[in-house]
Amino acid sequence: MGLFTSRKALSVHEKKKIGIMASRSGAGARHLCMALAVYLSSYEKYETAVIDCREEGLKGLLTKDLLFDYGTGGFRKTGVSIYEDREYAIIPAALEKKYDRIIYLLPKEGKGPEVFFGICDIRFMIGGMRPWEYGEYQLLIKQCTADYKDISGCVCLSNGLGEEERKMFVRDMHCSVIGIPRIEDPFKLRKCDVEFLRSLTATG
């Protein structure tokens, strides 16, 4: 049974927490986060929440027609709930029971990695492959490896990944990396977006 098993077969033991952490601002974490949340809610029919633990938040991604009672009500057009949590507090058990999938959008600083490795059942790590980005990505992976020993459970991702970059990553980091295709609008997923997100969730 896969990590993202259809809700028809869902039991309380199959509720999952998903962590997304990027090596730098602008790597595409929030874009992927919202696309994944919309996919899980609209296509897999999971009750889905996003908990944003970063300073910059998600407000810049939202427009008034999409926003409904920010912090409690979620998105009018998608059914995804969003919460801000700068203190990394665990959400109340009663609230947690409401959701089948909770996505934590985490910073690489502070307690971000601790939450990422401590409570998340599946972990997506995102970084860039351009020279000035790749160094930061390498540092994040090396630091996490040093602090948490085994990061084999992480799924490494990168935007604009070519075959040469993929080979370099595998050679340098001794793990695989998945390229993220261009998702134009995370709230209006195209067929190709849905197919990618479906394949991505199958990695668990």
N, C-alpha and C. Protein backbone atom coordinates (compact mmCIF):
# COMPACT_ATOMS: atom_id res chain seq x y z
N MET A 1 0.85 -1.20 0.00
CA MET A 1 0.00 0.00 0.00
C MET A 1 0.88 1.24 0.00
N GLY A 2 0.69 2.15 -0.92
CA GLY A 2 1.53 3.32 -1.06
C GLY A 2 1.26 4.37 -0.01
N LEU A 3 2.18 5.31 0.08
CA LEU A 3 2.08 6.37 1.08
C LEU A 3 0.82 7.20 0.90
N PHE A 4 0.44 7.44 -0.35
CA PHE A 4 -0.69 8.30 -0.63
C PHE A 4 -1.89 7.48 -1.11
N THR A 5 -2.16 6.39 -0.42
CA THR A 5 -3.25 5.50 -0.78
C THR A 5 -4.57 6.25 -0.84
N SER A 6 -5.42 5.87 -1.80
CA SER A 6 -6.71 6.52 -1.99
C SER A 6 -7.49 6.61 -0.69
N ARG A 7 -8.23 7.69 -0.54
CA ARG A 7 -8.96 7.93 0.69
C ARG A 7 -10.00 6.84 0.96
N LYS A 8 -10.44 6.16 -0.07
CA LYS A 8 -11.41 5.09 0.10
C LYS A 8 -10.86 4.01 1.03
N ALA A 9 -9.54 3.83 1.00
CA ALA A 9 -8.92 2.78 1.81
C ALA A 9 -8.21 3.36 3.03
N LEU A 10 -8.44 4.64 3.32
CA LEU A 10 -7.70 5.34 4.35
C LEU A 10 -8.13 4.91 5.75
N SER A 11 -7.19 4.72 6.62
CA SER A 11 -7.50 4.49 8.03
C SER A 11 -6.76 5.52 8.84
N VAL A 12 -7.06 5.62 10.12
CA VAL A 12 -6.42 6.62 10.98
C VAL A 12 -4.92 6.42 11.02
N HIS A 13 -4.46 5.18 10.83
CA HIS A 13 -3.03 4.89 10.91
C HIS A 13 -2.29 5.35 9.66
N GLU A 14 -3.00 5.74 8.63
CA GLU A 14 -2.37 6.12 7.38
C GLU A 14 -2.30 7.63 7.19
N LYS A 15 -2.69 8.40 8.17
CA LYS A 15 -2.54 9.84 8.09
C LYS A 15 -1.04 10.16 8.02
N LYS A 16 -0.67 11.13 7.19
CA LYS A 16 0.74 11.39 6.96
C LYS A 16 1.08 12.86 7.10
N LYS A 17 2.30 13.11 7.58
CA LYS A 17 2.86 14.46 7.64
C LYS A 17 3.97 14.54 6.59
N ILE A 18 3.95 15.61 5.81
CA ILE A 18 4.90 15.80 4.71
C ILE A 18 5.72 17.05 4.99
N GLY A 19 7.02 16.96 4.87
CA GLY A 19 7.89 18.11 5.08
C GLY A 19 8.49 18.58 3.76
N ILE A 20 8.52 19.90 3.55
CA ILE A 20 9.18 20.49 2.39
C ILE A 20 10.16 21.53 2.91
N MET A 21 11.43 21.39 2.56
CA MET A 21 12.47 22.30 3.01
C MET A 21 13.40 22.65 1.84
N ALA A 22 13.72 23.92 1.69
CA ALA A 22 14.56 24.37 0.56
C ALA A 22 15.91 24.88 1.05
N SER A 23 16.89 24.79 0.17
CA SER A 23 18.24 25.25 0.51
C SER A 23 18.35 26.77 0.50
N ARG A 24 17.41 27.42 -0.19
CA ARG A 24 17.45 28.90 -0.27
C ARG A 24 16.07 29.42 -0.68
N SER A 25 15.84 30.69 -0.38
CA SER A 25 14.62 31.34 -0.82
C SER A 25 14.61 31.42 -2.34
N GLY A 26 13.48 31.15 -2.95
CA GLY A 26 13.39 31.19 -4.39
C GLY A 26 13.65 29.86 -5.07
N ALA A 27 13.87 28.81 -4.29
CA ALA A 27 14.15 27.49 -4.87
C ALA A 27 12.88 26.80 -5.38
N GLY A 28 11.72 27.31 -5.00
CA GLY A 28 10.47 26.74 -5.48
C GLY A 28 9.69 25.94 -4.46
N ALA A 29 10.03 26.10 -3.18
CA ALA A 29 9.38 25.30 -2.14
C ALA A 29 7.90 25.64 -2.00
N ARG A 30 7.57 26.91 -1.95
CA ARG A 30 6.16 27.25 -1.71
C ARG A 30 5.30 26.94 -2.94
N HIS A 31 5.88 27.07 -4.13
CA HIS A 31 5.14 26.76 -5.35
C HIS A 31 4.80 25.27 -5.38
N LEU A 32 5.80 24.44 -5.08
CA LEU A 32 5.57 23.00 -5.05
C LEU A 32 4.61 22.64 -3.92
N CYS A 33 4.77 23.29 -2.78
CA CYS A 33 3.92 23.03 -1.63
C CYS A 33 2.44 23.21 -1.98
N MET A 34 2.12 24.33 -2.62
CA MET A 34 0.72 24.60 -2.94
C MET A 34 0.22 23.68 -4.05
N ALA A 35 1.06 23.39 -5.03
CA ALA A 35 0.66 22.46 -6.08
C ALA A 35 0.36 21.08 -5.49
N LEU A 36 1.22 20.63 -4.59
CA LEU A 36 1.03 19.33 -3.95
C LEU A 36 -0.22 19.32 -3.09
N ALA A 37 -0.44 20.41 -2.35
CA ALA A 37 -1.63 20.51 -1.49
C ALA A 37 -2.91 20.48 -2.32
N VAL A 38 -2.92 21.23 -3.42
CA VAL A 38 -4.09 21.26 -4.30
C VAL A 38 -4.32 19.88 -4.91
N TYR A 39 -3.24 19.23 -5.33
CA TYR A 39 -3.37 17.89 -5.90
C TYR A 39 -3.96 16.91 -4.89
N LEU A 40 -3.43 16.91 -3.68
CA LEU A 40 -3.90 15.98 -2.66
C LEU A 40 -5.36 16.22 -2.30
N SER A 41 -5.74 17.50 -2.26
CA SER A 41 -7.11 17.86 -1.90
C SER A 41 -8.09 17.62 -3.04
N SER A 42 -7.74 18.12 -4.23
CA SER A 42 -8.68 18.10 -5.35
C SER A 42 -8.71 16.79 -6.12
N TYR A 43 -7.57 16.11 -6.20
CA TYR A 43 -7.50 14.90 -7.02
C TYR A 43 -7.52 13.61 -6.20
N GLU A 44 -6.85 13.63 -5.04
CA GLU A 44 -6.85 12.44 -4.19
C GLU A 44 -7.94 12.51 -3.12
N LYS A 45 -8.58 13.68 -2.99
CA LYS A 45 -9.70 13.89 -2.07
C LYS A 45 -9.31 13.71 -0.60
N TYR A 46 -8.08 14.07 -0.27
CA TYR A 46 -7.65 14.06 1.12
C TYR A 46 -8.00 15.40 1.77
N GLU A 47 -8.35 15.36 3.05
CA GLU A 47 -8.44 16.60 3.83
C GLU A 47 -7.00 17.06 4.07
N THR A 48 -6.65 18.21 3.50
CA THR A 48 -5.25 18.62 3.45
C THR A 48 -5.04 19.98 4.11
N ALA A 49 -3.96 20.10 4.88
CA ALA A 49 -3.58 21.37 5.50
C ALA A 49 -2.12 21.67 5.23
N VAL A 50 -1.80 22.96 5.13
CA VAL A 50 -0.42 23.42 5.03
C VAL A 50 -0.11 24.21 6.30
N ILE A 51 1.01 23.89 6.93
CA ILE A 51 1.48 24.65 8.09
C ILE A 51 2.77 25.33 7.69
N ASP A 52 2.72 26.65 7.55
CA ASP A 52 3.85 27.43 7.07
C ASP A 52 4.66 27.94 8.26
N CYS A 53 5.88 27.44 8.40
CA CYS A 53 6.74 27.80 9.53
C CYS A 53 7.82 28.80 9.15
N ARG A 54 7.78 29.34 7.94
CA ARG A 54 8.83 30.26 7.47
C ARG A 54 8.44 31.71 7.74
N GLU A 55 9.44 32.55 7.84
CA GLU A 55 9.20 33.97 8.10
C GLU A 55 8.46 34.65 6.97
N GLU A 56 8.80 34.31 5.72
CA GLU A 56 8.20 35.01 4.58
C GLU A 56 6.74 34.63 4.34
N GLY A 57 6.34 33.45 4.79
CA GLY A 57 4.96 33.03 4.66
C GLY A 57 4.51 32.80 3.22
N LEU A 58 3.22 32.55 3.07
CA LEU A 58 2.64 32.25 1.77
C LEU A 58 1.80 33.39 1.21
N LYS A 59 1.69 34.48 1.93
CA LYS A 59 0.76 35.52 1.52
C LYS A 59 1.05 36.07 0.13
N GLY A 60 2.31 36.13 -0.24
CA GLY A 60 2.66 36.66 -1.55
C GLY A 60 2.17 35.81 -2.70
N LEU A 61 1.83 34.58 -2.42
CA LEU A 61 1.37 33.66 -3.47
C LEU A 61 -0.13 33.74 -3.68
N LEU A 62 -0.83 34.35 -2.73
CA LEU A 62 -2.28 34.31 -2.74
C LEU A 62 -2.90 35.61 -3.23
N THR A 63 -3.98 35.51 -3.96
CA THR A 63 -4.75 36.67 -4.39
C THR A 63 -6.08 36.67 -3.67
N LYS A 64 -6.77 37.79 -3.67
CA LYS A 64 -7.98 37.93 -2.88
C LYS A 64 -9.05 36.92 -3.27
N ASP A 65 -9.12 36.56 -4.54
CA ASP A 65 -10.15 35.61 -4.95
C ASP A 65 -9.86 34.19 -4.48
N LEU A 66 -8.59 33.92 -4.13
CA LEU A 66 -8.23 32.60 -3.64
C LEU A 66 -8.25 32.52 -2.12
N LEU A 67 -8.09 33.68 -1.48
CA LEU A 67 -7.92 33.72 -0.04
C LEU A 67 -9.25 33.73 0.68
N PHE A 68 -9.37 32.88 1.68
CA PHE A 68 -10.58 32.87 2.50
C PHE A 68 -10.19 32.69 3.96
N ASP A 69 -10.34 33.73 4.76
CA ASP A 69 -10.05 33.66 6.18
C ASP A 69 -8.66 33.10 6.45
N TYR A 70 -7.65 33.82 6.01
CA TYR A 70 -6.26 33.36 6.11
C TYR A 70 -5.93 32.92 7.53
N GLY A 71 -5.39 31.75 7.67
CA GLY A 71 -4.99 31.24 8.97
C GLY A 71 -5.94 30.20 9.53
N THR A 72 -7.17 30.19 9.07
CA THR A 72 -8.11 29.20 9.60
C THR A 72 -8.96 28.55 8.52
N GLY A 73 -9.39 29.29 7.55
CA GLY A 73 -10.39 28.77 6.63
C GLY A 73 -9.88 28.08 5.40
N GLY A 74 -8.68 28.38 4.99
CA GLY A 74 -8.14 27.73 3.81
C GLY A 74 -8.43 28.50 2.54
N PHE A 75 -8.43 27.79 1.42
CA PHE A 75 -8.60 28.42 0.12
C PHE A 75 -9.98 28.13 -0.44
N ARG A 76 -10.66 29.17 -0.85
CA ARG A 76 -12.02 29.05 -1.34
C ARG A 76 -12.15 28.07 -2.50
N LYS A 77 -11.16 28.05 -3.39
CA LYS A 77 -11.27 27.26 -4.62
C LYS A 77 -10.66 25.87 -4.53
N THR A 78 -9.98 25.57 -3.44
CA THR A 78 -9.27 24.30 -3.38
C THR A 78 -9.63 23.45 -2.17
N GLY A 79 -10.10 24.04 -1.10
CA GLY A 79 -10.39 23.28 0.11
C GLY A 79 -9.18 22.97 0.96
N VAL A 80 -8.03 23.59 0.65
CA VAL A 80 -6.82 23.39 1.45
C VAL A 80 -6.81 24.42 2.58
N SER A 81 -6.58 23.95 3.80
CA SER A 81 -6.47 24.87 4.94
C SER A 81 -5.00 25.26 5.13
N ILE A 82 -4.78 26.51 5.55
CA ILE A 82 -3.41 26.96 5.78
C ILE A 82 -3.29 27.63 7.13
N TYR A 83 -2.19 27.33 7.81
CA TYR A 83 -1.93 27.89 9.13
C TYR A 83 -0.51 28.42 9.17
N GLU A 84 -0.32 29.50 9.90
CA GLU A 84 1.02 30.03 10.13
C GLU A 84 1.49 29.58 11.51
N ASP A 85 2.72 29.15 11.59
CA ASP A 85 3.26 28.68 12.86
C ASP A 85 4.75 28.99 12.92
N ARG A 86 5.10 30.14 13.45
CA ARG A 86 6.51 30.53 13.53
C ARG A 86 7.24 29.86 14.70
N GLU A 87 6.48 29.27 15.61
CA GLU A 87 7.09 28.69 16.81
C GLU A 87 7.20 27.18 16.73
N TYR A 88 6.81 26.59 15.61
CA TYR A 88 6.90 25.14 15.39
C TYR A 88 6.10 24.35 16.43
N ALA A 89 5.03 24.95 16.91
CA ALA A 89 4.19 24.24 17.87
C ALA A 89 3.43 23.13 17.13
N ILE A 90 3.25 22.01 17.78
CA ILE A 90 2.47 20.93 17.20
C ILE A 90 1.00 21.34 17.27
N ILE A 91 0.28 21.21 16.19
CA ILE A 91 -1.11 21.64 16.18
C ILE A 91 -1.93 20.75 17.10
N PRO A 92 -3.01 21.29 17.69
CA PRO A 92 -3.81 20.52 18.65
C PRO A 92 -4.29 19.19 18.06
N ALA A 93 -4.34 18.18 18.90
CA ALA A 93 -4.72 16.84 18.45
C ALA A 93 -6.09 16.84 17.79
N ALA A 94 -7.02 17.61 18.33
CA ALA A 94 -8.36 17.66 17.77
C ALA A 94 -8.34 18.19 16.34
N LEU A 95 -7.48 19.19 16.10
CA LEU A 95 -7.36 19.76 14.76
C LEU A 95 -6.62 18.81 13.84
N GLU A 96 -5.60 18.17 14.38
CA GLU A 96 -4.81 17.24 13.57
C GLU A 96 -5.66 16.08 13.06
N LYS A 97 -6.60 15.64 13.85
CA LYS A 97 -7.46 14.53 13.45
C LYS A 97 -8.32 14.87 12.23
N LYS A 98 -8.49 16.16 11.99
CA LYS A 98 -9.34 16.59 10.87
C LYS A 98 -8.70 16.30 9.53
N TYR A 99 -7.36 16.22 9.49
CA TYR A 99 -6.65 16.16 8.22
C TYR A 99 -6.04 14.80 7.95
N ASP A 100 -6.11 14.40 6.67
CA ASP A 100 -5.45 13.18 6.22
C ASP A 100 -3.99 13.44 5.88
N ARG A 101 -3.71 14.63 5.35
CA ARG A 101 -2.36 15.02 4.96
C ARG A 101 -2.06 16.42 5.48
N ILE A 102 -0.93 16.55 6.21
CA ILE A 102 -0.48 17.85 6.69
C ILE A 102 0.89 18.11 6.10
N ILE A 103 1.03 19.23 5.40
CA ILE A 103 2.29 19.59 4.75
C ILE A 103 2.95 20.71 5.55
N TYR A 104 4.15 20.46 6.05
CA TYR A 104 4.93 21.46 6.76
C TYR A 104 5.89 22.12 5.78
N LEU A 105 5.79 23.44 5.65
CA LEU A 105 6.72 24.21 4.82
C LEU A 105 7.74 24.82 5.78
N LEU A 106 8.98 24.32 5.72
CA LEU A 106 9.96 24.57 6.77
C LEU A 106 11.19 25.33 6.28
N PRO A 107 11.75 26.19 7.14
CA PRO A 107 13.03 26.83 6.81
C PRO A 107 14.18 25.89 7.13
N LYS A 108 15.34 26.15 6.56
CA LYS A 108 16.50 25.30 6.85
C LYS A 108 17.18 25.73 8.15
N GLU A 109 16.80 26.91 8.66
CA GLU A 109 17.41 27.42 9.88
C GLU A 109 16.58 27.02 11.11
N GLY A 110 17.16 27.26 12.27
CA GLY A 110 16.45 27.06 13.53
C GLY A 110 15.98 25.63 13.70
N LYS A 111 14.71 25.50 14.07
CA LYS A 111 14.16 24.17 14.33
C LYS A 111 13.61 23.50 13.07
N GLY A 112 13.77 24.16 11.92
CA GLY A 112 13.24 23.58 10.69
C GLY A 112 13.68 22.15 10.44
N PRO A 113 15.00 21.88 10.43
CA PRO A 113 15.46 20.51 10.19
C PRO A 113 15.00 19.52 11.27
N GLU A 114 14.88 20.01 12.51
CA GLU A 114 14.43 19.14 13.60
C GLU A 114 13.00 18.65 13.36
N VAL A 115 12.14 19.57 12.91
CA VAL A 115 10.76 19.20 12.60
C VAL A 115 10.74 18.33 11.35
N PHE A 116 11.54 18.70 10.36
CA PHE A 116 11.63 17.99 9.08
C PHE A 116 11.94 16.50 9.31
N PHE A 117 12.97 16.24 10.11
CA PHE A 117 13.40 14.87 10.35
C PHE A 117 12.67 14.21 11.51
N GLY A 118 12.12 15.04 12.42
CA GLY A 118 11.52 14.50 13.63
C GLY A 118 10.10 14.01 13.50
N ILE A 119 9.25 14.72 12.74
CA ILE A 119 7.84 14.34 12.72
C ILE A 119 7.29 14.04 11.33
N CYS A 120 8.04 14.37 10.28
CA CYS A 120 7.52 14.19 8.92
C CYS A 120 7.74 12.77 8.43
N ASP A 121 6.68 12.19 7.87
CA ASP A 121 6.74 10.83 7.36
C ASP A 121 7.41 10.76 5.99
N ILE A 122 7.24 11.81 5.19
CA ILE A 122 7.92 11.90 3.90
C ILE A 122 8.51 13.28 3.78
N ARG A 123 9.72 13.37 3.21
CA ARG A 123 10.46 14.63 3.24
C ARG A 123 10.96 14.98 1.83
N PHE A 124 10.61 16.18 1.38
CA PHE A 124 11.08 16.70 0.10
C PHE A 124 12.08 17.83 0.37
N MET A 125 13.29 17.69 -0.17
CA MET A 125 14.33 18.70 -0.04
C MET A 125 14.57 19.31 -1.42
N ILE A 126 14.51 20.64 -1.50
CA ILE A 126 14.59 21.32 -2.80
C ILE A 126 15.78 22.27 -2.84
N GLY A 127 16.48 22.26 -3.97
CA GLY A 127 17.59 23.19 -4.17
C GLY A 127 17.82 23.42 -5.65
N GLY A 128 18.61 24.43 -5.98
CA GLY A 128 18.92 24.75 -7.36
C GLY A 128 20.23 24.14 -7.81
N MET A 129 20.43 24.07 -9.12
CA MET A 129 21.64 23.48 -9.67
C MET A 129 22.56 24.49 -10.34
N ARG A 130 22.15 25.76 -10.38
CA ARG A 130 23.06 26.77 -10.90
C ARG A 130 24.21 26.94 -9.91
N PRO A 131 25.41 27.33 -10.39
CA PRO A 131 26.60 27.32 -9.54
C PRO A 131 26.41 27.97 -8.17
N TRP A 132 25.77 29.14 -8.13
CA TRP A 132 25.62 29.85 -6.86
C TRP A 132 24.53 29.21 -5.97
N GLU A 133 23.70 28.35 -6.56
CA GLU A 133 22.66 27.65 -5.79
C GLU A 133 23.12 26.27 -5.35
N TYR A 134 23.87 25.62 -6.21
CA TYR A 134 24.26 24.24 -5.95
C TYR A 134 25.11 24.11 -4.69
N GLY A 135 25.98 25.09 -4.46
CA GLY A 135 26.81 25.06 -3.26
C GLY A 135 25.96 25.08 -1.99
N GLU A 136 24.90 25.88 -1.99
CA GLU A 136 24.01 25.94 -0.83
C GLU A 136 23.26 24.62 -0.65
N TYR A 137 22.87 24.03 -1.76
CA TYR A 137 22.16 22.75 -1.71
C TYR A 137 23.08 21.67 -1.13
N GLN A 138 24.32 21.65 -1.59
CA GLN A 138 25.28 20.68 -1.07
C GLN A 138 25.49 20.86 0.43
N LEU A 139 25.62 22.12 0.86
CA LEU A 139 25.83 22.40 2.28
C LEU A 139 24.66 21.92 3.13
N LEU A 140 23.44 22.14 2.63
CA LEU A 140 22.26 21.71 3.38
C LEU A 140 22.23 20.19 3.52
N ILE A 141 22.49 19.49 2.43
CA ILE A 141 22.47 18.02 2.47
C ILE A 141 23.58 17.50 3.39
N LYS A 142 24.77 18.08 3.30
CA LYS A 142 25.88 17.64 4.13
C LYS A 142 25.60 17.90 5.61
N GLN A 143 25.01 19.06 5.89
CA GLN A 143 24.69 19.40 7.28
C GLN A 143 23.65 18.45 7.84
N CYS A 144 22.63 18.18 7.05
CA CYS A 144 21.58 17.25 7.49
C CYS A 144 22.14 15.84 7.67
N THR A 145 23.05 15.45 6.79
CA THR A 145 23.67 14.14 6.92
C THR A 145 24.48 14.05 8.21
N ALA A 146 25.21 15.13 8.52
CA ALA A 146 26.02 15.16 9.74
C ALA A 146 25.16 15.14 10.99
N ASP A 147 24.06 15.89 10.96
CA ASP A 147 23.20 16.02 12.15
C ASP A 147 22.25 14.84 12.34
N TYR A 148 21.76 14.30 11.21
CA TYR A 148 20.71 13.29 11.31
C TYR A 148 21.11 11.94 10.73
N LYS A 149 22.38 11.83 10.36
CA LYS A 149 23.00 10.57 9.93
C LYS A 149 22.40 9.99 8.65
N ASP A 150 21.18 9.53 8.71
CA ASP A 150 20.59 8.85 7.56
C ASP A 150 19.52 9.73 6.93
N ILE A 151 19.78 10.26 5.74
CA ILE A 151 18.78 11.08 5.06
C ILE A 151 18.26 10.35 3.82
N SER A 152 18.41 9.03 3.84
CA SER A 152 17.98 8.25 2.69
C SER A 152 16.47 8.34 2.46
N GLY A 153 15.74 8.73 3.51
CA GLY A 153 14.30 8.86 3.37
C GLY A 153 13.87 10.15 2.71
N CYS A 154 14.81 11.05 2.42
CA CYS A 154 14.49 12.32 1.77
C CYS A 154 14.41 12.13 0.26
N VAL A 155 13.52 12.88 -0.36
CA VAL A 155 13.44 12.93 -1.82
C VAL A 155 14.03 14.27 -2.24
N CYS A 156 15.15 14.23 -2.95
CA CYS A 156 15.82 15.46 -3.40
C CYS A 156 15.22 15.91 -4.72
N LEU A 157 14.94 17.22 -4.82
CA LEU A 157 14.29 17.80 -6.00
C LEU A 157 15.04 19.03 -6.46
N SER A 158 14.89 19.35 -7.75
CA SER A 158 15.51 20.56 -8.28
C SER A 158 14.76 21.03 -9.52
N ASN A 159 14.60 22.34 -9.64
CA ASN A 159 13.99 22.93 -10.84
C ASN A 159 15.02 23.01 -11.97
N GLY A 160 14.56 22.90 -13.20
CA GLY A 160 15.43 23.06 -14.36
C GLY A 160 16.58 22.10 -14.39
N LEU A 161 16.31 20.86 -14.07
CA LEU A 161 17.38 19.86 -13.97
C LEU A 161 17.62 19.19 -15.31
N GLY A 162 18.86 19.33 -15.82
CA GLY A 162 19.26 18.66 -17.04
C GLY A 162 19.99 17.37 -16.73
N GLU A 163 20.27 16.59 -17.76
CA GLU A 163 20.91 15.29 -17.55
C GLU A 163 22.31 15.44 -16.96
N GLU A 164 23.06 16.46 -17.40
CA GLU A 164 24.41 16.67 -16.87
C GLU A 164 24.36 17.05 -15.40
N GLU A 165 23.39 17.92 -15.05
CA GLU A 165 23.24 18.31 -13.64
C GLU A 165 22.83 17.11 -12.78
N ARG A 166 21.98 16.28 -13.34
CA ARG A 166 21.55 15.08 -12.61
C ARG A 166 22.75 14.17 -12.31
N LYS A 167 23.58 13.95 -13.33
CA LYS A 167 24.75 13.09 -13.15
C LYS A 167 25.71 13.69 -12.12
N MET A 168 25.90 15.01 -12.16
CA MET A 168 26.80 15.68 -11.22
C MET A 168 26.29 15.52 -9.79
N PHE A 169 24.98 15.69 -9.62
CA PHE A 169 24.37 15.57 -8.29
C PHE A 169 24.58 14.17 -7.73
N VAL A 170 24.30 13.16 -8.55
CA VAL A 170 24.45 11.77 -8.11
C VAL A 170 25.91 11.49 -7.75
N ARG A 171 26.83 12.01 -8.56
CA ARG A 171 28.26 11.79 -8.31
C ARG A 171 28.70 12.47 -7.02
N ASP A 172 28.24 13.70 -6.81
CA ASP A 172 28.70 14.48 -5.66
C ASP A 172 28.01 14.08 -4.35
N MET A 173 26.71 13.82 -4.42
CA MET A 173 25.93 13.63 -3.21
C MET A 173 25.57 12.17 -2.93
N HIS A 174 25.85 11.29 -3.90
CA HIS A 174 25.61 9.85 -3.71
C HIS A 174 24.13 9.54 -3.43
N CYS A 175 23.26 10.30 -4.05
CA CYS A 175 21.83 10.03 -3.98
C CYS A 175 21.17 10.58 -5.24
N SER A 176 19.99 10.14 -5.53
CA SER A 176 19.30 10.56 -6.75
C SER A 176 18.60 11.90 -6.55
N VAL A 177 18.23 12.51 -7.66
CA VAL A 177 17.51 13.79 -7.62
C VAL A 177 16.45 13.76 -8.71
N ILE A 178 15.30 14.35 -8.41
CA ILE A 178 14.18 14.40 -9.34
C ILE A 178 13.99 15.83 -9.84
N GLY A 179 13.89 16.00 -11.13
CA GLY A 179 13.66 17.33 -11.70
C GLY A 179 12.19 17.74 -11.56
N ILE A 180 11.97 19.01 -11.20
CA ILE A 180 10.61 19.54 -11.08
C ILE A 180 10.26 20.26 -12.38
N PRO A 181 9.26 19.83 -13.11
CA PRO A 181 8.86 20.54 -14.33
C PRO A 181 8.18 21.86 -13.99
N ARG A 182 8.05 22.71 -14.96
CA ARG A 182 7.41 24.00 -14.73
C ARG A 182 5.92 23.82 -14.48
N ILE A 183 5.47 24.23 -13.29
CA ILE A 183 4.05 24.22 -12.95
C ILE A 183 3.60 25.68 -12.99
N GLU A 184 2.88 26.05 -14.02
CA GLU A 184 2.56 27.45 -14.25
C GLU A 184 1.68 28.04 -13.15
N ASP A 185 0.66 27.32 -12.73
CA ASP A 185 -0.26 27.82 -11.72
C ASP A 185 -0.60 26.68 -10.78
N PRO A 186 -0.14 26.74 -9.51
CA PRO A 186 -0.40 25.64 -8.58
C PRO A 186 -1.87 25.46 -8.24
N PHE A 187 -2.70 26.48 -8.53
CA PHE A 187 -4.12 26.40 -8.23
C PHE A 187 -4.94 25.90 -9.43
N LYS A 188 -4.31 25.85 -10.60
CA LYS A 188 -4.97 25.38 -11.81
C LYS A 188 -4.06 24.36 -12.49
N LEU A 189 -4.03 23.19 -11.95
CA LEU A 189 -3.10 22.17 -12.41
C LEU A 189 -3.49 21.63 -13.78
N ARG A 190 -2.51 21.53 -14.66
CA ARG A 190 -2.70 20.92 -15.97
C ARG A 190 -2.53 19.41 -15.86
N LYS A 191 -2.86 18.72 -16.92
CA LYS A 191 -2.75 17.27 -16.92
C LYS A 191 -1.31 16.83 -16.63
N CYS A 192 -0.34 17.52 -17.24
CA CYS A 192 1.07 17.16 -17.03
C CYS A 192 1.50 17.42 -15.58
N ASP A 193 0.93 18.47 -14.95
CA ASP A 193 1.23 18.76 -13.55
C ASP A 193 0.70 17.64 -12.66
N VAL A 194 -0.52 17.24 -12.92
CA VAL A 194 -1.16 16.17 -12.14
C VAL A 194 -0.36 14.88 -12.26
N GLU A 195 0.09 14.57 -13.46
CA GLU A 195 0.86 13.34 -13.68
C GLU A 195 2.18 13.38 -12.92
N PHE A 196 2.83 14.55 -12.93
CA PHE A 196 4.09 14.68 -12.16
C PHE A 196 3.83 14.52 -10.67
N LEU A 197 2.83 15.21 -10.15
CA LEU A 197 2.55 15.15 -8.70
C LEU A 197 2.12 13.75 -8.28
N ARG A 198 1.40 13.07 -9.15
CA ARG A 198 1.03 11.68 -8.87
C ARG A 198 2.28 10.80 -8.79
N SER A 199 3.19 10.99 -9.72
CA SER A 199 4.42 10.18 -9.71
C SER A 199 5.29 10.55 -8.51
N LEU A 200 5.27 11.84 -8.12
CA LEU A 200 6.07 12.28 -6.98
C LEU A 200 5.56 11.66 -5.68
N THR A 201 4.26 11.66 -5.51
CA THR A 201 3.70 11.08 -4.28
C THR A 201 3.91 9.57 -4.24
N ALA A 202 4.07 8.97 -5.40
CA ALA A 202 4.31 7.52 -5.44
C ALA A 202 5.69 7.14 -4.96
N THR A 203 6.59 8.16 -4.83
CA THR A 203 7.96 7.87 -4.37
C THR A 203 7.98 7.37 -2.93
N GLY A 204 6.87 7.67 -2.20
CA GLY A 204 6.82 7.19 -0.82
C GLY A 204 6.35 5.77 -0.71
